[in-house]
Amino acid sequence: MSDYTKILYKLDGVIAHIILNRPEKRNALDDTIVAEIKLALKAANENRDIQVVVIE
């Protein structure tokens, strides 16, 4: 798992949670957060145990 700076990536059984973590910017999307979301989605896709991805 990568070290994310602007999101949190948590696994809960078959559920992967991608949590936007930039409250000071009201979770606005920039190039870095979009890249981190893509990496987290790729990680979830490669994990055969994950059935659901929740973006919060």
PDB file of N, CA and C in Angstrom:
ATOM      1  N   MET A   1       0.849  -1.175   0.000  1.00  0.00           N
ATOM      2  CA  MET A   1       0.000   0.000   0.000  1.00  0.00           C
ATOM      3  C   MET A   1       0.894   1.238   0.000  1.00  0.00           C
ATOM      4  N   SER A   2       0.537   2.202  -0.809  1.00  0.00           N
ATOM      5  CA  SER A   2       1.315   3.438  -0.918  1.00  0.00           C
ATOM      6  C   SER A   2       1.081   4.342   0.284  1.00  0.00           C
ATOM      7  N   ASP A   3       1.996   5.283   0.435  1.00  0.00           N
ATOM      8  CA  ASP A   3       1.814   6.318   1.452  1.00  0.00           C
ATOM      9  C   ASP A   3       1.039   7.460   0.821  1.00  0.00           C
ATOM     10  N   TYR A   4      -0.187   7.620   1.223  1.00  0.00           N
ATOM     11  CA  TYR A   4      -1.041   8.675   0.681  1.00  0.00           C
ATOM     12  C   TYR A   4      -0.938   9.906   1.571  1.00  0.00           C
ATOM     13  N   THR A   5      -0.987  11.088   0.963  1.00  0.00           N
ATOM     14  CA  THR A   5      -0.900  12.323   1.736  1.00  0.00           C
ATOM     15  C   THR A   5      -2.229  13.062   1.807  1.00  0.00           C
ATOM     16  N   LYS A   6      -3.108  12.825   0.825  1.00  0.00           N
ATOM     17  CA  LYS A   6      -4.353  13.591   0.765  1.00  0.00           C
ATOM     18  C   LYS A   6      -5.606  12.733   0.850  1.00  0.00           C
ATOM     19  N   ILE A   7      -5.420  11.417   0.940  1.00  0.00           N
ATOM     20  CA  ILE A   7      -6.553  10.513   1.143  1.00  0.00           C
ATOM     21  C   ILE A   7      -6.180   9.506   2.222  1.00  0.00           C
ATOM     22  N   LEU A   8      -7.194   8.847   2.740  1.00  0.00           N
ATOM     23  CA  LEU A   8      -7.005   7.701   3.620  1.00  0.00           C
ATOM     24  C   LEU A   8      -7.559   6.496   2.877  1.00  0.00           C
ATOM     25  N   TYR A   9      -6.875   5.373   2.944  1.00  0.00           N
ATOM     26  CA  TYR A   9      -7.314   4.140   2.292  1.00  0.00           C
ATOM     27  C   TYR A   9      -7.412   3.084   3.373  1.00  0.00           C
ATOM     28  N   LYS A  10      -8.636   2.620   3.627  1.00  0.00           N
ATOM     29  CA  LYS A  10      -8.866   1.652   4.699  1.00  0.00           C
ATOM     30  C   LYS A  10      -9.621   0.448   4.154  1.00  0.00           C
ATOM     31  N   LEU A  11      -9.261  -0.710   4.657  1.00  0.00           N
ATOM     32  CA  LEU A  11      -9.950  -1.941   4.292  1.00  0.00           C
ATOM     33  C   LEU A  11     -10.781  -2.408   5.473  1.00  0.00           C
ATOM     34  N   ASP A  12     -12.016  -2.815   5.175  1.00  0.00           N
ATOM     35  CA  ASP A  12     -12.927  -3.321   6.194  1.00  0.00           C
ATOM     36  C   ASP A  12     -13.607  -4.551   5.610  1.00  0.00           C
ATOM     37  N   GLY A  13     -12.961  -5.689   5.772  1.00  0.00           N
ATOM     38  CA  GLY A  13     -13.497  -6.909   5.176  1.00  0.00           C
ATOM     39  C   GLY A  13     -13.440  -6.826   3.662  1.00  0.00           C
ATOM     40  N   VAL A  14     -14.603  -6.921   3.023  1.00  0.00           N
ATOM     41  CA  VAL A  14     -14.669  -6.876   1.557  1.00  0.00           C
ATOM     42  C   VAL A  14     -14.868  -5.456   1.027  1.00  0.00           C
ATOM     43  N   ILE A  15     -14.812  -4.465   1.927  1.00  0.00           N
ATOM     44  CA  ILE A  15     -15.062  -3.069   1.553  1.00  0.00           C
ATOM     45  C   ILE A  15     -13.770  -2.266   1.652  1.00  0.00           C
ATOM     46  N   ALA A  16     -13.465  -1.515   0.590  1.00  0.00           N
ATOM     47  CA  ALA A  16     -12.343  -0.570   0.607  1.00  0.00           C
ATOM     48  C   ALA A  16     -12.928   0.830   0.727  1.00  0.00           C
ATOM     49  N   HIS A  17     -12.410   1.602   1.670  1.00  0.00           N
ATOM     50  CA  HIS A  17     -12.851   2.983   1.860  1.00  0.00           C
ATOM     51  C   HIS A  17     -11.752   3.913   1.375  1.00  0.00           C
ATOM     52  N   ILE A  18     -12.093   4.820   0.475  1.00  0.00           N
ATOM     53  CA  ILE A  18     -11.196   5.884   0.042  1.00  0.00           C
ATOM     54  C   ILE A  18     -11.786   7.165   0.609  1.00  0.00           C
ATOM     55  N   ILE A  19     -11.066   7.765   1.545  1.00  0.00           N
ATOM     56  CA  ILE A  19     -11.590   8.922   2.272  1.00  0.00           C
ATOM     57  C   ILE A  19     -10.766  10.151   1.906  1.00  0.00           C
ATOM     58  N   LEU A  20     -11.430  11.160   1.349  1.00  0.00           N
ATOM     59  CA  LEU A  20     -10.746  12.407   1.028  1.00  0.00           C
ATOM     60  C   LEU A  20     -10.337  13.071   2.333  1.00  0.00           C
ATOM     61  N   ASN A  21      -9.092  13.508   2.413  1.00  0.00           N
ATOM     62  CA  ASN A  21      -8.554  14.002   3.679  1.00  0.00           C
ATOM     63  C   ASN A  21      -7.865  15.354   3.490  1.00  0.00           C
ATOM     64  N   ARG A  22      -8.620  16.325   2.978  1.00  0.00           N
ATOM     65  CA  ARG A  22      -8.122  17.695   2.813  1.00  0.00           C
ATOM     66  C   ARG A  22      -9.147  18.678   3.362  1.00  0.00           C
ATOM     67  N   PRO A  23      -9.511  18.570   4.632  1.00  0.00           N
ATOM     68  CA  PRO A  23     -10.579  19.436   5.148  1.00  0.00           C
ATOM     69  C   PRO A  23     -10.250  20.925   5.050  1.00  0.00           C
ATOM     70  N   GLU A  24      -8.962  21.261   5.124  1.00  0.00           N
ATOM     71  CA  GLU A  24      -8.586  22.678   5.042  1.00  0.00           C
ATOM     72  C   GLU A  24      -8.887  23.275   3.669  1.00  0.00           C
ATOM     73  N   LYS A  25      -9.018  22.413   2.652  1.00  0.00           N
ATOM     74  CA  LYS A  25      -9.355  22.852   1.289  1.00  0.00           C
ATOM     75  C   LYS A  25     -10.742  22.352   0.876  1.00  0.00           C
ATOM     76  N   ARG A  26     -11.530  21.958   1.877  1.00  0.00           N
ATOM     77  CA  ARG A  26     -12.880  21.418   1.653  1.00  0.00           C
ATOM     78  C   ARG A  26     -12.876  20.246   0.667  1.00  0.00           C
ATOM     79  N   ASN A  27     -11.809  19.454   0.741  1.00  0.00           N
ATOM     80  CA  ASN A  27     -11.632  18.265  -0.088  1.00  0.00           C
ATOM     81  C   ASN A  27     -11.670  18.559  -1.582  1.00  0.00           C
ATOM     82  N   ALA A  28     -11.228  19.756  -1.949  1.00  0.00           N
ATOM     83  CA  ALA A  28     -11.138  20.107  -3.370  1.00  0.00           C
ATOM     84  C   ALA A  28     -10.155  19.164  -4.059  1.00  0.00           C
ATOM     85  N   LEU A  29     -10.457  18.839  -5.304  1.00  0.00           N
ATOM     86  CA  LEU A  29      -9.601  17.939  -6.064  1.00  0.00           C
ATOM     87  C   LEU A  29      -8.482  18.723  -6.737  1.00  0.00           C
ATOM     88  N   ASP A  30      -7.260  18.231  -6.575  1.00  0.00           N
ATOM     89  CA  ASP A  30      -6.132  18.757  -7.328  1.00  0.00           C
ATOM     90  C   ASP A  30      -5.444  17.556  -7.984  1.00  0.00           C
ATOM     91  N   ASP A  31      -4.378  17.805  -8.712  1.00  0.00           N
ATOM     92  CA  ASP A  31      -3.709  16.717  -9.428  1.00  0.00           C
ATOM     93  C   ASP A  31      -3.228  15.613  -8.491  1.00  0.00           C
ATOM     94  N   THR A  32      -2.746  15.987  -7.323  1.00  0.00           N
ATOM     95  CA  THR A  32      -2.222  14.997  -6.382  1.00  0.00           C
ATOM     96  C   THR A  32      -3.323  14.108  -5.827  1.00  0.00           C
ATOM     97  N   ILE A  33      -4.431  14.694  -5.416  1.00  0.00           N
ATOM     98  CA  ILE A  33      -5.504  13.882  -4.828  1.00  0.00           C
ATOM     99  C   ILE A  33      -6.139  12.974  -5.888  1.00  0.00           C
ATOM    100  N   VAL A  34      -6.250  13.471  -7.119  1.00  0.00           N
ATOM    101  CA  VAL A  34      -6.792  12.635  -8.201  1.00  0.00           C
ATOM    102  C   VAL A  34      -5.860  11.452  -8.456  1.00  0.00           C
ATOM    103  N   ALA A  35      -4.555  11.700  -8.467  1.00  0.00           N
ATOM    104  CA  ALA A  35      -3.587  10.617  -8.664  1.00  0.00           C
ATOM    105  C   ALA A  35      -3.665   9.602  -7.527  1.00  0.00           C
ATOM    106  N   GLU A  36      -3.826  10.081  -6.297  1.00  0.00           N
ATOM    107  CA  GLU A  36      -3.936   9.171  -5.156  1.00  0.00           C
ATOM    108  C   GLU A  36      -5.220   8.348  -5.214  1.00  0.00           C
ATOM    109  N   ILE A  37      -6.315   8.954  -5.644  1.00  0.00           N
ATOM    110  CA  ILE A  37      -7.571   8.212  -5.796  1.00  0.00           C
ATOM    111  C   ILE A  37      -7.393   7.110  -6.834  1.00  0.00           C
ATOM    112  N   LYS A  38      -6.740   7.443  -7.948  1.00  0.00           N
ATOM    113  CA  LYS A  38      -6.486   6.436  -8.988  1.00  0.00           C
ATOM    114  C   LYS A  38      -5.645   5.285  -8.448  1.00  0.00           C
ATOM    115  N   LEU A  39      -4.607   5.608  -7.672  1.00  0.00           N
ATOM    116  CA  LEU A  39      -3.769   4.554  -7.085  1.00  0.00           C
ATOM    117  C   LEU A  39      -4.562   3.680  -6.121  1.00  0.00           C
ATOM    118  N   ALA A  40      -5.410   4.296  -5.315  1.00  0.00           N
ATOM    119  CA  ALA A  40      -6.220   3.532  -4.365  1.00  0.00           C
ATOM    120  C   ALA A  40      -7.230   2.646  -5.096  1.00  0.00           C
ATOM    121  N   LEU A  41      -7.832   3.167  -6.164  1.00  0.00           N
ATOM    122  CA  LEU A  41      -8.757   2.353  -6.956  1.00  0.00           C
ATOM    123  C   LEU A  41      -8.031   1.178  -7.601  1.00  0.00           C
ATOM    124  N   LYS A  42      -6.820   1.415  -8.071  1.00  0.00           N
ATOM    125  CA  LYS A  42      -6.027   0.332  -8.659  1.00  0.00           C
ATOM    126  C   LYS A  42      -5.712  -0.723  -7.604  1.00  0.00           C
ATOM    127  N   ALA A  43      -5.335  -0.276  -6.397  1.00  0.00           N
ATOM    128  CA  ALA A  43      -5.042  -1.214  -5.309  1.00  0.00           C
ATOM    129  C   ALA A  43      -6.274  -2.044  -4.965  1.00  0.00           C
ATOM    130  N   ALA A  44      -7.436  -1.399  -4.906  1.00  0.00           N
ATOM    131  CA  ALA A  44      -8.676  -2.122  -4.605  1.00  0.00           C
ATOM    132  C   ALA A  44      -9.000  -3.116  -5.715  1.00  0.00           C
ATOM    133  N   ASN A  45      -8.781  -2.713  -6.957  1.00  0.00           N
ATOM    134  CA  ASN A  45      -9.062  -3.586  -8.097  1.00  0.00           C
ATOM    135  C   ASN A  45      -8.156  -4.819  -8.101  1.00  0.00           C
ATOM    136  N   GLU A  46      -6.925  -4.647  -7.657  1.00  0.00           N
ATOM    137  CA  GLU A  46      -5.970  -5.757  -7.654  1.00  0.00           C
ATOM    138  C   GLU A  46      -6.161  -6.698  -6.467  1.00  0.00           C
ATOM    139  N   ASN A  47      -6.922  -6.282  -5.473  1.00  0.00           N
ATOM    140  CA  ASN A  47      -7.192  -7.107  -4.297  1.00  0.00           C
ATOM    141  C   ASN A  47      -8.464  -7.914  -4.558  1.00  0.00           C
ATOM    142  N   ARG A  48      -8.310  -9.197  -4.768  1.00  0.00           N
ATOM    143  CA  ARG A  48      -9.452 -10.055  -5.119  1.00  0.00           C
ATOM    144  C   ARG A  48     -10.504 -10.152  -4.014  1.00  0.00           C
ATOM    145  N   ASP A  49     -10.146  -9.791  -2.792  1.00  0.00           N
ATOM    146  CA  ASP A  49     -11.096  -9.858  -1.684  1.00  0.00           C
ATOM    147  C   ASP A  49     -12.068  -8.684  -1.668  1.00  0.00           C
ATOM    148  N   ILE A  50     -11.703  -7.576  -2.294  1.00  0.00           N
ATOM    149  CA  ILE A  50     -12.531  -6.367  -2.272  1.00  0.00           C
ATOM    150  C   ILE A  50     -13.705  -6.522  -3.233  1.00  0.00           C
ATOM    151  N   GLN A  51     -14.909  -6.261  -2.717  1.00  0.00           N
ATOM    152  CA  GLN A  51     -16.119  -6.336  -3.533  1.00  0.00           C
ATOM    153  C   GLN A  51     -16.778  -4.977  -3.712  1.00  0.00           C
ATOM    154  N   VAL A  52     -16.487  -4.037  -2.805  1.00  0.00           N
ATOM    155  CA  VAL A  52     -17.128  -2.721  -2.825  1.00  0.00           C
ATOM    156  C   VAL A  52     -16.071  -1.663  -2.529  1.00  0.00           C
ATOM    157  N   VAL A  53     -16.149  -0.539  -3.251  1.00  0.00           N
ATOM    158  CA  VAL A  53     -15.300   0.617  -2.961  1.00  0.00           C
ATOM    159  C   VAL A  53     -16.217   1.781  -2.610  1.00  0.00           C
ATOM    160  N   VAL A  54     -15.977   2.377  -1.450  1.00  0.00           N
ATOM    161  CA  VAL A  54     -16.748   3.532  -1.002  1.00  0.00           C
ATOM    162  C   VAL A  54     -15.813   4.734  -1.025  1.00  0.00           C
ATOM    163  N   ILE A  55     -16.222   5.789  -1.735  1.00  0.00           N
ATOM    164  CA  ILE A  55     -15.451   7.029  -1.745  1.00  0.00           C
ATOM    165  C   ILE A  55     -16.196   8.022  -0.871  1.00  0.00           C
ATOM    166  N   GLU A  56     -15.512   8.478   0.159  1.00  0.00           N
ATOM    167  CA  GLU A  56     -16.131   9.381   1.135  1.00  0.00           C
ATOM    168  C   GLU A  56     -15.426  10.717   1.102  1.00  0.00           C
TER     169      GLU A  56
END
